[in-house]
Protein backbone atom coordinates (compact mmCIF):
# COMPACT_ATOMS: atom_id res chain seq x y z
CA MET A 1 92.81 6.91 16.83
CA PRO A 2 90.05 9.51 17.10
CA ASN A 3 90.73 12.71 18.95
CA THR A 4 89.73 12.36 22.61
CA HIS A 5 91.20 13.22 25.98
CA LEU A 6 92.83 11.18 28.68
CA GLY A 7 91.30 10.56 32.06
CA LYS A 8 92.42 11.84 35.44
CA VAL A 9 96.14 11.76 36.15
CA GLU A 10 98.15 11.95 39.35
CA THR A 11 99.03 15.52 40.26
CA VAL A 12 102.05 16.42 42.37
CA SER A 13 103.84 19.61 43.28
CA VAL A 14 107.37 20.50 42.24
CA GLU A 15 108.58 19.71 45.78
CA GLN A 16 107.37 16.12 45.37
CA TYR A 17 109.91 15.50 42.61
CA THR A 18 112.19 13.29 44.71
CA SER A 19 115.59 11.89 43.94
CA SER A 20 114.24 8.35 44.20
CA GLU A 21 111.93 9.04 41.23
CA THR A 22 114.81 10.14 39.02
CA SER A 23 117.46 7.61 40.05
CA THR A 24 116.37 4.81 37.75
CA ILE A 25 119.14 2.71 36.27
CA PHE A 26 118.64 2.93 32.52
CA PRO A 27 119.33 0.15 30.01
CA ASN A 28 121.36 2.65 27.98
CA PRO A 29 123.37 4.87 30.37
CA GLN A 30 124.04 7.31 27.51
CA LEU A 31 120.30 7.94 27.15
CA SER A 32 119.22 8.68 30.71
CA GLU A 33 116.75 11.42 29.87
CA LEU A 34 114.34 12.15 27.06
CA SER A 35 112.75 15.59 26.72
CA ILE A 36 109.70 15.79 24.43
CA ILE A 37 108.30 19.15 23.34
CA THR A 38 104.83 19.23 21.85
CA GLN A 39 102.09 21.86 21.82
CA PHE A 40 99.22 19.46 22.57
CA TYR A 41 98.97 16.97 25.41
CA PRO A 42 96.09 15.55 27.49
CA PRO A 43 93.62 16.70 28.61
CA ASP A 44 93.63 18.15 25.08
CA TYR A 45 91.94 15.70 22.72
CA ALA A 46 94.31 16.36 19.79
CA ALA A 47 95.47 13.01 18.43
CA THR A 48 99.16 13.98 18.51
CA GLY A 49 98.96 14.70 22.23
CA GLN A 50 97.17 11.44 22.94
CA LEU A 51 99.83 9.48 21.09
CA ILE A 52 102.71 11.29 22.80
CA ALA A 53 101.17 10.59 26.23
CA GLU A 54 100.88 6.86 25.51
CA LEU A 55 104.37 6.72 24.00
CA ALA A 56 105.90 8.57 26.96
CA ALA A 57 104.33 6.12 29.42
CA GLN A 58 105.63 3.15 27.44
CA LEU A 59 109.16 4.55 27.14
CA GLN A 60 109.16 5.31 30.87
CA SER A 61 108.27 1.68 31.55
CA LEU A 62 111.20 0.61 29.35
CA GLY A 63 113.64 2.54 31.51
CA MET A 64 113.85 6.02 30.02
CA GLN A 65 113.29 9.09 32.14
CA VAL A 66 110.78 11.09 30.10
CA LYS A 67 109.95 14.77 30.50
CA ILE A 68 107.24 16.63 28.59
CA PHE A 69 107.05 20.34 27.86
CA THR A 70 103.65 21.31 26.50
CA GLY A 71 100.92 23.94 26.55
CA GLN A 72 97.79 24.34 28.61
CA PRO A 73 94.71 22.70 27.07
CA GLY A 74 93.38 24.53 24.05
CA TYR A 75 90.96 21.96 22.72
CA ALA A 76 89.89 19.99 25.79
CA PHE A 77 86.24 19.36 26.59
CA LYS A 78 85.53 21.17 29.85
CA ASN A 79 89.11 21.34 31.06
CA ASN A 80 90.69 24.60 29.96
CA LYS A 81 93.41 24.45 32.58
CA ALA A 82 95.67 21.68 33.83
CA PRO A 83 98.39 21.61 36.53
CA GLN A 84 101.50 23.54 35.58
CA LYS A 85 103.66 20.67 36.86
CA GLN A 86 102.53 17.09 37.10
CA ILE A 87 103.70 13.49 37.16
CA ASP A 88 101.66 10.90 35.32
CA LYS A 89 102.86 7.27 35.28
CA GLY A 90 106.36 8.47 36.07
CA VAL A 91 106.41 11.01 33.23
CA HIS A 92 107.27 14.56 34.32
CA ILE A 93 104.99 17.10 32.65
CA GLN A 94 105.45 20.86 32.53
CA ARG A 95 102.82 23.10 30.94
CA THR A 96 103.19 26.66 29.76
CA ARG A 97 100.48 29.22 29.09
CA THR A 98 98.46 28.72 25.89
CA THR A 99 97.44 31.53 23.57
CA GLN A 100 94.14 31.13 21.71
CA ILE A 101 93.81 33.86 19.09
CA TRP A 102 91.35 33.06 16.26
CA SER A 103 91.98 29.42 17.18
CA LYS A 104 89.54 28.04 14.60
CA ARG A 105 91.23 29.84 11.70
CA ILE A 106 94.44 28.80 9.94
CA ARG A 107 96.21 32.12 10.59
CA GLY A 108 95.16 32.05 14.22
CA LYS A 109 96.52 28.54 14.71
CA ALA A 110 99.78 29.56 13.06
CA LEU A 111 100.11 32.56 15.37
CA ASN A 112 99.30 30.50 18.47
CA GLY A 113 101.90 27.99 17.37
CA LEU A 114 104.52 30.71 17.11
CA PHE A 115 103.73 31.86 20.65
CA PHE A 116 104.20 28.28 21.89
CA CYS A 117 107.53 28.02 20.04
CA PHE A 118 108.69 31.22 21.73
CA ARG A 119 107.82 29.85 25.17
CA ALA A 120 109.43 26.50 24.34
CA GLY A 121 112.57 28.37 23.28
CA LEU A 122 112.70 30.19 26.62
CA HIS A 123 112.24 26.84 28.36
CA LEU A 124 115.23 25.41 26.50
CA LEU A 125 117.38 28.43 27.40
CA ARG A 126 116.56 27.97 31.08
CA SER A 127 116.95 24.20 31.16
CA VAL A 128 119.48 23.32 28.45
CA ASN A 129 120.94 19.89 29.18
CA ARG A 130 123.28 18.25 26.69
CA SER A 131 122.94 14.91 28.51
CA GLN A 132 119.32 14.63 27.37
CA ILE A 133 117.89 13.85 23.97
CA LEU A 134 115.42 16.38 22.66
CA VAL A 135 112.40 15.10 20.69
CA LEU A 136 110.41 17.69 18.79
CA THR A 137 107.08 17.02 17.11
CA THR A 138 105.39 18.93 14.29
CA ALA A 139 102.85 20.40 16.69
CA PRO A 140 103.22 23.25 15.81
CA PRO A 141 104.69 22.62 12.34
CA TYR A 142 107.83 24.76 12.80
CA LEU A 143 108.72 23.46 16.26
CA THR A 144 111.60 21.34 14.96
CA ILE A 145 113.52 24.54 14.15
CA LEU A 146 114.12 24.88 17.90
CA GLY A 147 116.13 21.68 17.84
CA TYR A 148 118.32 23.05 15.08
CA LEU A 149 118.93 26.30 16.97
CA ALA A 150 119.64 24.43 20.22
CA HIS A 151 122.15 22.28 18.36
CA LEU A 152 123.93 25.30 16.88
CA CYS A 153 124.04 27.16 20.21
CA PHE A 154 124.60 24.36 22.72
CA GLY A 155 125.46 21.21 20.78
CA GLN A 156 122.06 19.74 21.74
CA ARG A 157 121.20 16.35 20.19
CA TYR A 158 117.68 16.18 18.82
CA ILE A 159 115.21 13.98 16.96
CA CYS A 160 112.38 15.12 14.69
CA LEU A 161 109.06 13.29 15.05
CA LEU A 162 107.06 14.28 11.96
CA TYR A 163 103.31 13.75 12.18
CA ASP A 164 102.60 16.05 9.24
CA LEU A 165 104.82 17.49 6.53
CA TYR A 166 104.92 21.26 6.18
CA PRO A 167 104.85 23.46 4.11
CA ASP A 168 103.48 20.69 1.87
CA VAL A 169 100.15 20.63 3.71
CA ALA A 170 99.59 24.35 3.13
CA VAL A 171 100.61 24.07 -0.53
CA GLU A 172 98.33 21.11 -1.29
CA LEU A 173 95.40 22.80 0.44
CA GLY A 174 95.91 25.89 -1.70
CA VAL A 175 96.69 28.16 1.24
CA VAL A 176 99.93 29.30 -0.42
CA SER A 177 101.53 28.80 -3.82
CA ARG A 178 104.45 26.43 -4.22
CA GLN A 179 106.37 29.37 -5.70
CA ASN A 180 105.79 31.54 -2.66
CA PRO A 181 109.14 32.72 -1.18
CA LEU A 182 107.96 31.62 2.28
CA VAL A 183 107.44 28.06 1.00
CA LYS A 184 110.90 27.97 -0.56
CA PHE A 185 112.46 29.29 2.64
CA TRP A 186 110.55 26.76 4.74
CA ASP A 187 111.75 23.89 2.54
CA TRP A 188 115.30 25.23 2.80
CA ILE A 189 115.21 25.49 6.59
CA ASN A 190 113.60 22.01 6.84
CA CYS A 191 116.56 20.51 5.01
CA LYS A 192 118.92 22.29 7.42
CA VAL A 193 116.96 20.96 10.41
CA TRP A 194 116.83 17.40 9.07
CA LYS A 195 120.55 17.27 8.24
CA LYS A 196 121.55 18.19 11.80
CA ALA A 197 118.98 15.91 13.45
CA ASP A 198 120.25 12.63 14.88
CA ALA A 199 117.17 10.83 13.61
CA ILE A 200 113.92 11.56 11.81
CA ILE A 201 110.86 9.48 12.64
CA VAL A 202 107.91 9.45 10.24
CA LEU A 203 104.59 7.59 10.23
CA SER A 204 104.54 6.12 6.73
CA SER A 205 106.72 4.95 3.88
CA THR A 206 105.21 7.56 1.56
CA MET A 207 106.19 10.33 4.00
CA LYS A 208 109.72 8.98 4.03
CA ASP A 209 109.75 9.05 0.22
CA ARG A 210 108.66 12.70 0.16
CA ILE A 211 111.35 13.76 2.60
CA ALA A 212 114.05 11.75 0.84
CA ALA A 213 113.08 13.41 -2.44
CA LYS A 214 113.67 16.83 -0.86
CA SER A 215 116.94 15.87 0.84
CA PRO A 216 118.36 12.55 -0.53
CA GLU A 217 121.44 12.67 1.69
CA ILE A 218 119.40 12.14 4.88
CA GLU A 219 117.46 9.07 3.71
CA GLU A 220 119.45 6.69 5.93
CA LYS A 221 118.51 8.55 9.11
CA ILE A 222 114.76 8.38 8.39
CA THR A 223 112.90 5.66 10.30
CA VAL A 224 109.30 4.68 9.63
CA ILE A 225 107.39 3.88 12.83
CA GLN A 226 103.64 3.57 12.58
CA ASN A 227 101.05 4.71 15.07
CA TRP A 228 99.18 2.21 17.23
CA ALA A 229 96.11 1.50 19.35
CA ASP A 230 95.77 -0.26 22.68
CA PRO A 231 93.88 -3.57 22.25
CA ASN A 232 93.41 -3.80 26.01
CA PHE A 233 91.52 -0.51 26.07
CA ILE A 234 89.52 -0.80 22.83
CA LYS A 235 87.99 -4.25 22.39
CA PRO A 236 85.35 -5.70 20.04
CA LEU A 237 81.88 -5.41 21.49
CA ASP A 238 78.61 -6.68 20.08
CA LYS A 239 76.49 -3.72 19.02
CA ASN A 240 73.44 -5.11 20.77
CA GLU A 241 75.34 -5.02 24.07
CA ASN A 242 76.69 -1.53 23.50
CA TRP A 243 75.07 1.29 25.52
CA PHE A 244 76.37 3.91 23.07
CA ALA A 245 74.61 2.17 20.18
CA ARG A 246 71.39 2.00 22.17
CA GLU A 247 71.55 5.61 23.32
CA PHE A 248 71.94 6.96 19.79
CA ASN A 249 69.56 4.48 18.09
CA LEU A 250 72.22 2.66 16.10
CA LEU A 251 70.87 -0.88 16.56
CA GLU A 252 68.26 -1.25 13.86
CA LYS A 253 70.20 -0.15 10.78
CA PHE A 254 73.59 -0.99 9.29
CA THR A 255 75.80 1.77 10.74
CA VAL A 256 78.74 3.40 8.96
CA LEU A 257 81.00 5.40 11.28
CA TYR A 258 83.40 8.27 10.62
CA SER A 259 85.09 9.13 13.92
CA GLY A 260 87.68 11.88 14.25
CA ASN A 261 88.68 15.12 12.62
CA MET A 262 86.72 16.24 9.55
CA GLY A 263 89.47 18.59 8.48
CA ARG A 264 90.83 20.00 5.26
CA CYS A 265 93.07 16.96 4.81
CA HIS A 266 90.14 14.52 4.88
CA ASP A 267 88.01 13.61 1.87
CA MET A 268 84.46 14.09 3.09
CA ASN A 269 82.98 14.57 -0.40
CA THR A 270 83.38 10.92 -1.39
CA ILE A 271 81.75 9.83 1.86
CA MET A 272 78.86 12.23 1.37
CA GLU A 273 78.38 10.92 -2.18
CA ALA A 274 77.95 7.42 -0.76
CA ALA A 275 75.51 8.71 1.86
CA ILE A 276 73.44 10.42 -0.84
CA GLU A 277 73.31 7.25 -2.93
CA LEU A 278 72.18 5.19 0.08
CA ARG A 279 69.64 7.73 1.34
CA ASP A 280 66.62 5.45 0.81
CA GLU A 281 68.20 2.27 2.18
CA PRO A 282 68.35 0.95 5.79
CA ILE A 283 71.86 2.28 6.23
CA GLN A 284 72.92 5.21 8.42
CA PHE A 285 76.06 7.30 8.64
CA VAL A 286 77.35 8.56 11.98
CA PHE A 287 79.96 11.35 12.11
CA ILE A 288 81.73 11.89 15.44
CA GLY A 289 84.12 14.80 15.83
CA GLY A 290 84.76 18.28 14.49
CA GLY A 291 86.95 20.05 11.98
CA ALA A 292 86.81 22.56 9.16
CA LYS A 293 84.55 20.43 6.95
CA ARG A 294 82.01 19.42 9.58
CA GLU A 295 79.69 22.37 9.04
CA SER A 296 79.76 22.00 5.25
CA CYS A 297 78.75 18.35 5.63
CA ILE A 298 75.89 19.30 7.94
CA LYS A 299 74.80 22.01 5.49
CA LYS A 300 74.71 19.51 2.61
CA VAL A 301 72.67 17.06 4.67
CA ARG A 302 70.13 19.77 5.45
CA GLU A 303 69.95 21.06 1.89
CA LEU A 304 69.35 17.57 0.48
CA GLY A 305 67.03 16.53 3.30
CA LEU A 306 69.08 13.42 4.11
CA ASN A 307 67.68 11.35 6.98
CA ASN A 308 70.55 8.88 7.14
CA CYS A 309 73.26 11.10 8.67
CA VAL A 310 73.87 11.79 12.37
CA PHE A 311 76.50 14.23 13.68
CA LEU A 312 77.87 13.89 17.22
CA PRO A 313 80.61 15.89 19.00
CA TYR A 314 84.00 14.55 20.05
CA GLN A 315 83.66 11.90 22.73
CA ASP A 316 85.57 11.52 25.97
CA LYS A 317 88.32 8.91 25.82
CA ALA A 318 86.39 6.74 28.27
CA VAL A 319 83.64 6.49 25.65
CA LEU A 320 85.96 5.34 22.83
CA PRO A 321 85.58 1.58 23.46
CA TYR A 322 81.83 2.04 22.94
CA SER A 323 81.66 4.67 20.20
CA LEU A 324 84.15 2.80 17.98
CA THR A 325 82.27 -0.48 18.37
CA ALA A 326 78.79 0.98 17.85
CA CYS A 327 79.01 0.49 14.09
CA ASP A 328 79.17 -2.17 11.37
CA LEU A 329 81.78 -0.41 9.21
CA SER A 330 84.29 2.39 9.87
CA LEU A 331 85.65 4.95 7.43
CA VAL A 332 89.03 6.59 6.91
CA SER A 333 89.66 9.22 4.23
CA VAL A 334 92.57 11.30 2.96
CA THR A 335 92.14 14.16 0.49
CA ALA A 336 93.76 13.71 -2.92
CA GLY A 337 97.28 15.16 -2.95
CA MET A 338 97.84 14.62 0.79
CA GLU A 339 99.46 11.18 0.60
CA GLY A 340 102.81 11.19 2.37
CA ILE A 341 101.95 14.52 3.99
CA VAL A 342 99.52 13.34 6.66
CA ALA A 343 98.83 9.94 8.26
CA PRO A 344 95.38 9.29 9.80
CA SER A 345 95.75 7.89 13.32
CA LYS A 346 92.09 6.81 13.47
CA PHE A 347 92.90 3.72 11.37
CA TYR A 348 94.50 1.93 14.33
CA GLY A 349 91.62 2.43 16.74
CA ILE A 350 89.34 0.91 14.11
CA LEU A 351 91.51 -2.20 13.97
CA ALA A 352 91.42 -2.51 17.75
CA ALA A 353 87.62 -2.27 17.70
CA GLY A 354 87.42 -5.24 15.35
CA SER A 355 85.54 -3.25 12.74
CA PRO A 356 85.93 -3.65 8.98
CA VAL A 357 87.23 -0.48 7.35
CA ALA A 358 86.75 1.35 4.07
CA VAL A 359 89.55 3.75 3.16
CA VAL A 360 89.30 6.59 0.66
CA CYS A 361 92.80 7.45 -0.52
CA GLU A 362 95.13 7.68 -3.50
CA SER A 363 96.29 4.61 -5.39
CA HIS A 364 99.84 4.75 -3.98
CA SER A 365 98.80 5.21 -0.34
CA TYR A 366 100.57 3.17 2.33
CA LEU A 367 97.11 2.47 3.75
CA ARG A 368 96.40 0.15 0.83
CA GLN A 369 99.35 -2.02 1.79
CA LEU A 370 98.11 -2.14 5.38
CA LEU A 371 94.65 -3.17 4.21
CA ALA A 372 96.11 -5.90 2.02
CA GLU A 373 98.28 -7.26 4.83
CA ALA A 374 95.55 -7.11 7.46
CA LYS A 375 92.73 -8.25 5.13
CA CYS A 376 90.43 -5.95 7.07
CA GLY A 377 88.76 -3.87 4.38
CA VAL A 378 88.83 -2.22 0.97
CA ALA A 379 90.32 1.00 -0.42
CA PHE A 380 88.67 3.38 -2.87
CA ASP A 381 90.01 6.20 -4.98
CA ASN A 382 88.96 9.74 -4.19
CA GLY A 383 85.65 10.42 -5.89
CA GLU A 384 84.51 6.78 -5.96
CA GLY A 385 81.41 7.42 -3.89
CA THR A 386 79.32 4.97 -5.93
CA GLN A 387 81.86 2.18 -5.45
CA LEU A 388 81.99 2.93 -1.73
CA ALA A 389 78.19 2.72 -1.58
CA GLN A 390 78.30 -0.66 -3.33
CA PHE A 391 80.80 -1.98 -0.78
CA ILE A 392 78.59 -0.77 2.06
CA ARG A 393 75.63 -2.60 0.51
CA LEU A 394 77.74 -5.75 0.23
CA LEU A 395 78.69 -5.75 3.91
CA ALA A 396 75.14 -4.93 4.93
CA SER A 397 73.92 -8.00 3.05
CA GLU A 398 76.79 -10.26 4.20
CA PRO A 399 77.40 -9.68 7.94
CA GLU A 400 79.70 -12.70 8.14
CA LEU A 401 82.06 -11.07 5.63
CA ALA A 402 82.12 -7.91 7.75
CA HIS A 403 82.79 -9.98 10.85
CA ARG A 404 85.72 -11.81 9.22
CA MET A 405 87.29 -8.53 8.08
CA GLY A 406 86.94 -7.04 11.55
CA ASP A 407 88.49 -10.08 13.21
CA ALA A 408 91.41 -10.05 10.76
CA GLY A 409 92.13 -6.40 11.49
CA ARG A 410 92.08 -6.99 15.22
CA GLN A 411 94.50 -9.92 14.91
CA TYR A 412 96.84 -7.84 12.75
CA LEU A 413 96.91 -5.04 15.31
CA GLU A 414 97.60 -7.44 18.19
CA ALA A 415 100.50 -8.95 16.27
CA LYS A 416 102.16 -5.76 15.00
CA LEU A 417 100.66 -2.48 16.21
CA THR A 418 100.26 -2.49 19.99
CA PRO A 419 101.75 0.28 22.20
CA GLU A 420 104.30 -2.16 23.60
CA ILE A 421 105.51 -3.26 20.15
CA ILE A 422 105.73 0.26 18.72
CA ALA A 423 107.40 1.67 21.86
CA LYS A 424 110.21 -0.86 21.47
CA GLN A 425 110.76 0.44 17.93
CA TYR A 426 111.03 3.97 19.30
CA PHE A 427 113.33 2.74 22.06
CA THR A 428 115.65 1.14 19.51
CA THR A 429 115.83 4.32 17.43
CA LEU A 430 116.33 6.59 20.43
CA SER A 431 118.99 4.34 21.95
CA LYS A 432 121.19 4.78 18.86
CA VAL A 433 121.62 8.47 19.63
CA LYS A 434 124.86 9.15 21.52
CA VAL A 435 124.93 12.01 24.03
């Protein structure tokens, strides 16, 4: 799902937290309360926050009392401050102050993450509750260490929800060497954290394999639960009836869409190679979002004088049903070496939109299995820009083929990857934890 922010939520004061709101009878009396700690949460448009918000609402509807501890918005559109305490769809949300030092640089993000961890640690000290299950995400990457410390100090039960795998991300991106003492220490402390965790939830089979290779003795406690998209929110829409397509002149040409983060973990070079090859054909590329590689893509377009590329900023969540359906083909890409380290959430929104998809990834990627099962698109190796261009030409010349792929992807999502279906998988895993 592309990075966007949630709409308006119900705001209440602390005094409005009534006993009637917290006296729900839970299906599992041993799991009466779930406390999720994550740095990003709506109105931030970070994908991890969006997913946590949707998951929390679903788990609340299944009978769990869910509390969120998060930061103030750091990457929201015009909202740089949200209520300190809030209830949204029954979920209790508490926000702490957010530090934004060099927020667009890797070191700045790492430092800001450390400040959030410090505040989250103080929150745990003030509100430690052994009757609740603690869920810690990898936003920031070292947040799960708090669960380990809380377990050692208070016997706190905790679950690790791993969206990305660190320090592997930093190593593969060349930020640090694999032989760096910090990397070795981080791997060592990760194994300690994972061994004491009651469960570890990951987004893909390849991520599970990487973790099991580091710590084979914990393999049985690792559960793979995929991300999702809401088919009731994002629905197929004919491009000719789509105001977004009209507003940005996307009706006349075959439109290829990349929506979401253009970060260091995403292979933009292969996509740009395809755009260069198709520069003189009635095909246009639309890039929606931001990220570390966005400016380099824009620079290349200017240097080469490409007329077939359009760059738009992140869109409000309310626009998603229109931006995702304003195309004829959607793209997903993962940089070589990042398989099992990251898992692109945008894939699921594409399925909901009923769009065919082209994925640029490694040969052993879990995304290839998803494509094969859903019959919704084709995968390409990193660097196969020419092959990607040929596939785009094929779909442009055979719209019925594109339509069939899009329909198949939508049907697959409705059958296996809705918020309700995935939330039940989380509920099952969480309910196994004894408090």
